[in-house]
Amino acid sequence: MRAGSPASPKRFLLWMLAAALAYVAASFATHRWGVLPPAVPWALTGLAVALAVAAIVAFRRYLRAADELVRKIEIDALAVA
């Protein structure tokens, strides 16, 4: 697996970072509900959900491209978590 390939773990991490930042922005926007137009918090929440789904898809792509040992280690780590 190359670092720039679509199945790279770095892509998953970038998607997760983007989803986390969108979640923080949505959380901030919902606490400022009275100041912002009502559509802004909803849009940011939808963006956070869409980015989280994209991160899950990137992780599935990474797992499918990984070899058998790496796949087993990752799935066992998910089971423990």
N, C-alpha and C. Protein backbone atom coordinates (compact mmCIF):
# COMPACT_ATOMS: atom_id res chain seq x y z
N MET A 1 0.84 -1.18 0.00
CA MET A 1 0.00 0.00 0.00
C MET A 1 0.89 1.25 0.00
N ARG A 2 0.72 2.07 -0.98
CA ARG A 2 1.50 3.30 -1.06
C ARG A 2 0.86 4.38 -0.19
N ALA A 3 1.68 5.38 0.18
CA ALA A 3 1.19 6.45 1.05
C ALA A 3 0.12 7.30 0.36
N GLY A 4 0.21 7.48 -0.95
CA GLY A 4 -0.75 8.32 -1.65
C GLY A 4 -1.94 7.58 -2.22
N SER A 5 -2.02 6.28 -1.98
CA SER A 5 -3.11 5.49 -2.56
C SER A 5 -4.42 5.81 -1.86
N PRO A 6 -5.55 5.54 -2.52
CA PRO A 6 -6.85 5.81 -1.89
C PRO A 6 -7.09 4.99 -0.64
N ALA A 7 -6.34 3.90 -0.46
CA ALA A 7 -6.52 3.05 0.71
C ALA A 7 -5.50 3.35 1.80
N SER A 8 -4.86 4.49 1.74
CA SER A 8 -3.83 4.86 2.69
C SER A 8 -4.45 5.20 4.06
N PRO A 9 -3.79 4.81 5.15
CA PRO A 9 -4.32 5.20 6.47
C PRO A 9 -4.26 6.70 6.70
N LYS A 10 -3.39 7.40 5.97
CA LYS A 10 -3.33 8.86 6.11
C LYS A 10 -4.62 9.51 5.61
N ARG A 11 -5.21 8.93 4.58
CA ARG A 11 -6.48 9.47 4.08
C ARG A 11 -7.57 9.34 5.14
N PHE A 12 -7.59 8.20 5.81
CA PHE A 12 -8.56 8.00 6.89
C PHE A 12 -8.35 9.04 7.99
N LEU A 13 -7.10 9.27 8.36
CA LEU A 13 -6.82 10.25 9.40
C LEU A 13 -7.21 11.65 8.99
N LEU A 14 -7.01 12.00 7.73
CA LEU A 14 -7.42 13.32 7.26
C LEU A 14 -8.94 13.48 7.28
N TRP A 15 -9.65 12.41 6.87
CA TRP A 15 -11.12 12.47 6.93
C TRP A 15 -11.59 12.61 8.38
N MET A 16 -10.95 11.88 9.28
CA MET A 16 -11.35 11.96 10.70
C MET A 16 -11.05 13.34 11.27
N LEU A 17 -9.93 13.93 10.91
CA LEU A 17 -9.59 15.28 11.37
C LEU A 17 -10.62 16.28 10.86
N ALA A 18 -10.99 16.16 9.59
CA ALA A 18 -12.01 17.06 9.03
C ALA A 18 -13.35 16.87 9.72
N ALA A 19 -13.72 15.62 10.01
CA ALA A 19 -14.98 15.35 10.71
C ALA A 19 -14.95 15.92 12.12
N ALA A 20 -13.82 15.79 12.80
CA ALA A 20 -13.71 16.32 14.16
C ALA A 20 -13.81 17.84 14.17
N LEU A 21 -13.16 18.49 13.22
CA LEU A 21 -13.25 19.95 13.15
C LEU A 21 -14.67 20.41 12.83
N ALA A 22 -15.34 19.70 11.95
CA ALA A 22 -16.73 20.04 11.63
C ALA A 22 -17.63 19.81 12.84
N TYR A 23 -17.34 18.77 13.62
CA TYR A 23 -18.12 18.51 14.83
C TYR A 23 -17.94 19.64 15.85
N VAL A 24 -16.71 20.10 16.00
CA VAL A 24 -16.45 21.20 16.94
C VAL A 24 -17.16 22.47 16.47
N ALA A 25 -17.11 22.73 15.15
CA ALA A 25 -17.79 23.90 14.61
C ALA A 25 -19.31 23.79 14.81
N ALA A 26 -19.86 22.61 14.60
CA ALA A 26 -21.30 22.41 14.79
C ALA A 26 -21.67 22.56 16.26
N SER A 27 -20.83 22.06 17.15
CA SER A 27 -21.10 22.20 18.58
C SER A 27 -21.07 23.67 18.99
N PHE A 28 -20.10 24.41 18.49
CA PHE A 28 -20.03 25.84 18.79
C PHE A 28 -21.24 26.56 18.24
N ALA A 29 -21.65 26.20 17.02
CA ALA A 29 -22.79 26.87 16.39
C ALA A 29 -24.09 26.58 17.13
N THR A 30 -24.25 25.38 17.67
CA THR A 30 -25.49 25.09 18.39
C THR A 30 -25.56 25.81 19.73
N HIS A 31 -24.41 26.08 20.33
CA HIS A 31 -24.41 26.85 21.58
C HIS A 31 -24.67 28.32 21.33
N ARG A 32 -24.42 28.78 20.13
CA ARG A 32 -24.68 30.16 19.75
C ARG A 32 -25.96 30.25 18.92
N TRP A 33 -26.93 29.39 19.22
CA TRP A 33 -28.15 29.26 18.43
C TRP A 33 -28.86 30.59 18.23
N GLY A 34 -28.95 31.43 19.26
CA GLY A 34 -29.68 32.68 19.15
C GLY A 34 -28.99 33.71 18.29
N VAL A 35 -27.68 33.61 18.17
CA VAL A 35 -26.92 34.61 17.42
C VAL A 35 -26.90 34.28 15.92
N LEU A 36 -26.79 33.00 15.60
CA LEU A 36 -26.67 32.58 14.21
C LEU A 36 -28.03 32.27 13.60
N PRO A 37 -28.14 32.37 12.28
CA PRO A 37 -29.38 31.92 11.64
C PRO A 37 -29.58 30.42 11.89
N PRO A 38 -30.82 29.97 12.01
CA PRO A 38 -31.08 28.56 12.35
C PRO A 38 -30.52 27.55 11.36
N ALA A 39 -30.31 27.93 10.12
CA ALA A 39 -29.82 26.99 9.13
C ALA A 39 -28.34 26.65 9.31
N VAL A 40 -27.58 27.55 9.93
CA VAL A 40 -26.13 27.34 10.06
C VAL A 40 -25.81 26.14 10.94
N PRO A 41 -26.36 26.02 12.15
CA PRO A 41 -26.05 24.83 12.95
C PRO A 41 -26.48 23.53 12.29
N TRP A 42 -27.62 23.55 11.62
CA TRP A 42 -28.08 22.34 10.94
C TRP A 42 -27.15 21.97 9.79
N ALA A 43 -26.68 22.96 9.05
CA ALA A 43 -25.77 22.70 7.95
C ALA A 43 -24.44 22.15 8.46
N LEU A 44 -23.93 22.71 9.54
CA LEU A 44 -22.67 22.22 10.10
C LEU A 44 -22.82 20.82 10.69
N THR A 45 -23.96 20.53 11.27
CA THR A 45 -24.21 19.19 11.78
C THR A 45 -24.27 18.18 10.63
N GLY A 46 -24.95 18.54 9.56
CA GLY A 46 -25.00 17.66 8.39
C GLY A 46 -23.63 17.46 7.78
N LEU A 47 -22.81 18.51 7.76
CA LEU A 47 -21.45 18.39 7.25
C LEU A 47 -20.62 17.45 8.12
N ALA A 48 -20.77 17.55 9.43
CA ALA A 48 -20.03 16.67 10.34
C ALA A 48 -20.42 15.21 10.13
N VAL A 49 -21.70 14.97 9.95
CA VAL A 49 -22.17 13.59 9.71
C VAL A 49 -21.65 13.07 8.38
N ALA A 50 -21.70 13.90 7.35
CA ALA A 50 -21.21 13.48 6.02
C ALA A 50 -19.71 13.18 6.06
N LEU A 51 -18.94 13.99 6.77
CA LEU A 51 -17.50 13.74 6.87
C LEU A 51 -17.20 12.49 7.69
N ALA A 52 -18.01 12.22 8.71
CA ALA A 52 -17.82 11.00 9.49
C ALA A 52 -18.11 9.77 8.64
N VAL A 53 -19.13 9.83 7.82
CA VAL A 53 -19.44 8.72 6.91
C VAL A 53 -18.30 8.53 5.91
N ALA A 54 -17.75 9.62 5.41
CA ALA A 54 -16.61 9.53 4.48
C ALA A 54 -15.40 8.91 5.17
N ALA A 55 -15.20 9.21 6.45
CA ALA A 55 -14.09 8.60 7.20
C ALA A 55 -14.29 7.11 7.36
N ILE A 56 -15.52 6.69 7.60
CA ILE A 56 -15.82 5.26 7.73
C ILE A 56 -15.55 4.55 6.40
N VAL A 57 -15.95 5.17 5.30
CA VAL A 57 -15.71 4.58 3.98
C VAL A 57 -14.21 4.48 3.72
N ALA A 58 -13.45 5.50 4.10
CA ALA A 58 -11.99 5.47 3.91
C ALA A 58 -11.36 4.37 4.76
N PHE A 59 -11.86 4.16 5.97
CA PHE A 59 -11.33 3.10 6.82
C PHE A 59 -11.64 1.72 6.24
N ARG A 60 -12.84 1.54 5.71
CA ARG A 60 -13.19 0.27 5.06
C ARG A 60 -12.29 0.01 3.86
N ARG A 61 -12.01 1.06 3.09
CA ARG A 61 -11.13 0.94 1.93
C ARG A 61 -9.72 0.54 2.39
N TYR A 62 -9.26 1.14 3.47
CA TYR A 62 -7.95 0.82 4.02
C TYR A 62 -7.90 -0.63 4.49
N LEU A 63 -8.94 -1.07 5.19
CA LEU A 63 -8.96 -2.46 5.68
C LEU A 63 -9.00 -3.46 4.54
N ARG A 64 -9.74 -3.17 3.51
CA ARG A 64 -9.82 -4.11 2.38
C ARG A 64 -8.51 -4.20 1.62
N ALA A 65 -7.73 -3.13 1.60
CA ALA A 65 -6.45 -3.15 0.88
C ALA A 65 -5.31 -3.68 1.75
N ALA A 66 -5.53 -3.76 3.06
CA ALA A 66 -4.47 -4.21 3.97
C ALA A 66 -4.30 -5.72 3.86
N ASP A 67 -3.11 -6.17 4.27
CA ASP A 67 -2.90 -7.61 4.25
C ASP A 67 -3.61 -8.27 5.43
N GLU A 68 -3.55 -9.58 5.46
CA GLU A 68 -4.34 -10.35 6.43
C GLU A 68 -3.97 -10.05 7.88
N LEU A 69 -2.69 -9.92 8.18
CA LEU A 69 -2.25 -9.67 9.55
C LEU A 69 -2.69 -8.29 10.03
N VAL A 70 -2.48 -7.29 9.20
CA VAL A 70 -2.88 -5.92 9.58
C VAL A 70 -4.40 -5.86 9.78
N ARG A 71 -5.14 -6.52 8.90
CA ARG A 71 -6.60 -6.53 9.02
C ARG A 71 -7.03 -7.17 10.34
N LYS A 72 -6.40 -8.29 10.71
CA LYS A 72 -6.75 -8.96 11.95
C LYS A 72 -6.42 -8.08 13.16
N ILE A 73 -5.27 -7.42 13.14
CA ILE A 73 -4.88 -6.55 14.24
C ILE A 73 -5.86 -5.38 14.38
N GLU A 74 -6.21 -4.77 13.27
CA GLU A 74 -7.14 -3.63 13.31
C GLU A 74 -8.53 -4.06 13.82
N ILE A 75 -9.02 -5.18 13.34
CA ILE A 75 -10.35 -5.64 13.76
C ILE A 75 -10.33 -6.05 15.23
N ASP A 76 -9.27 -6.70 15.68
CA ASP A 76 -9.15 -7.04 17.11
C ASP A 76 -9.10 -5.79 17.98
N ALA A 77 -8.40 -4.77 17.51
CA ALA A 77 -8.32 -3.51 18.26
C ALA A 77 -9.70 -2.84 18.32
N LEU A 78 -10.46 -2.90 17.24
CA LEU A 78 -11.82 -2.36 17.27
C LEU A 78 -12.71 -3.14 18.23
N ALA A 79 -12.52 -4.45 18.28
CA ALA A 79 -13.32 -5.27 19.19
C ALA A 79 -13.02 -4.93 20.65
N VAL A 80 -11.76 -4.69 20.96
CA VAL A 80 -11.39 -4.34 22.33
C VAL A 80 -11.91 -2.96 22.69
N ALA A 81 -11.84 -2.04 21.75
CA ALA A 81 -12.29 -0.66 22.01
C ALA A 81 -13.79 -0.64 22.17
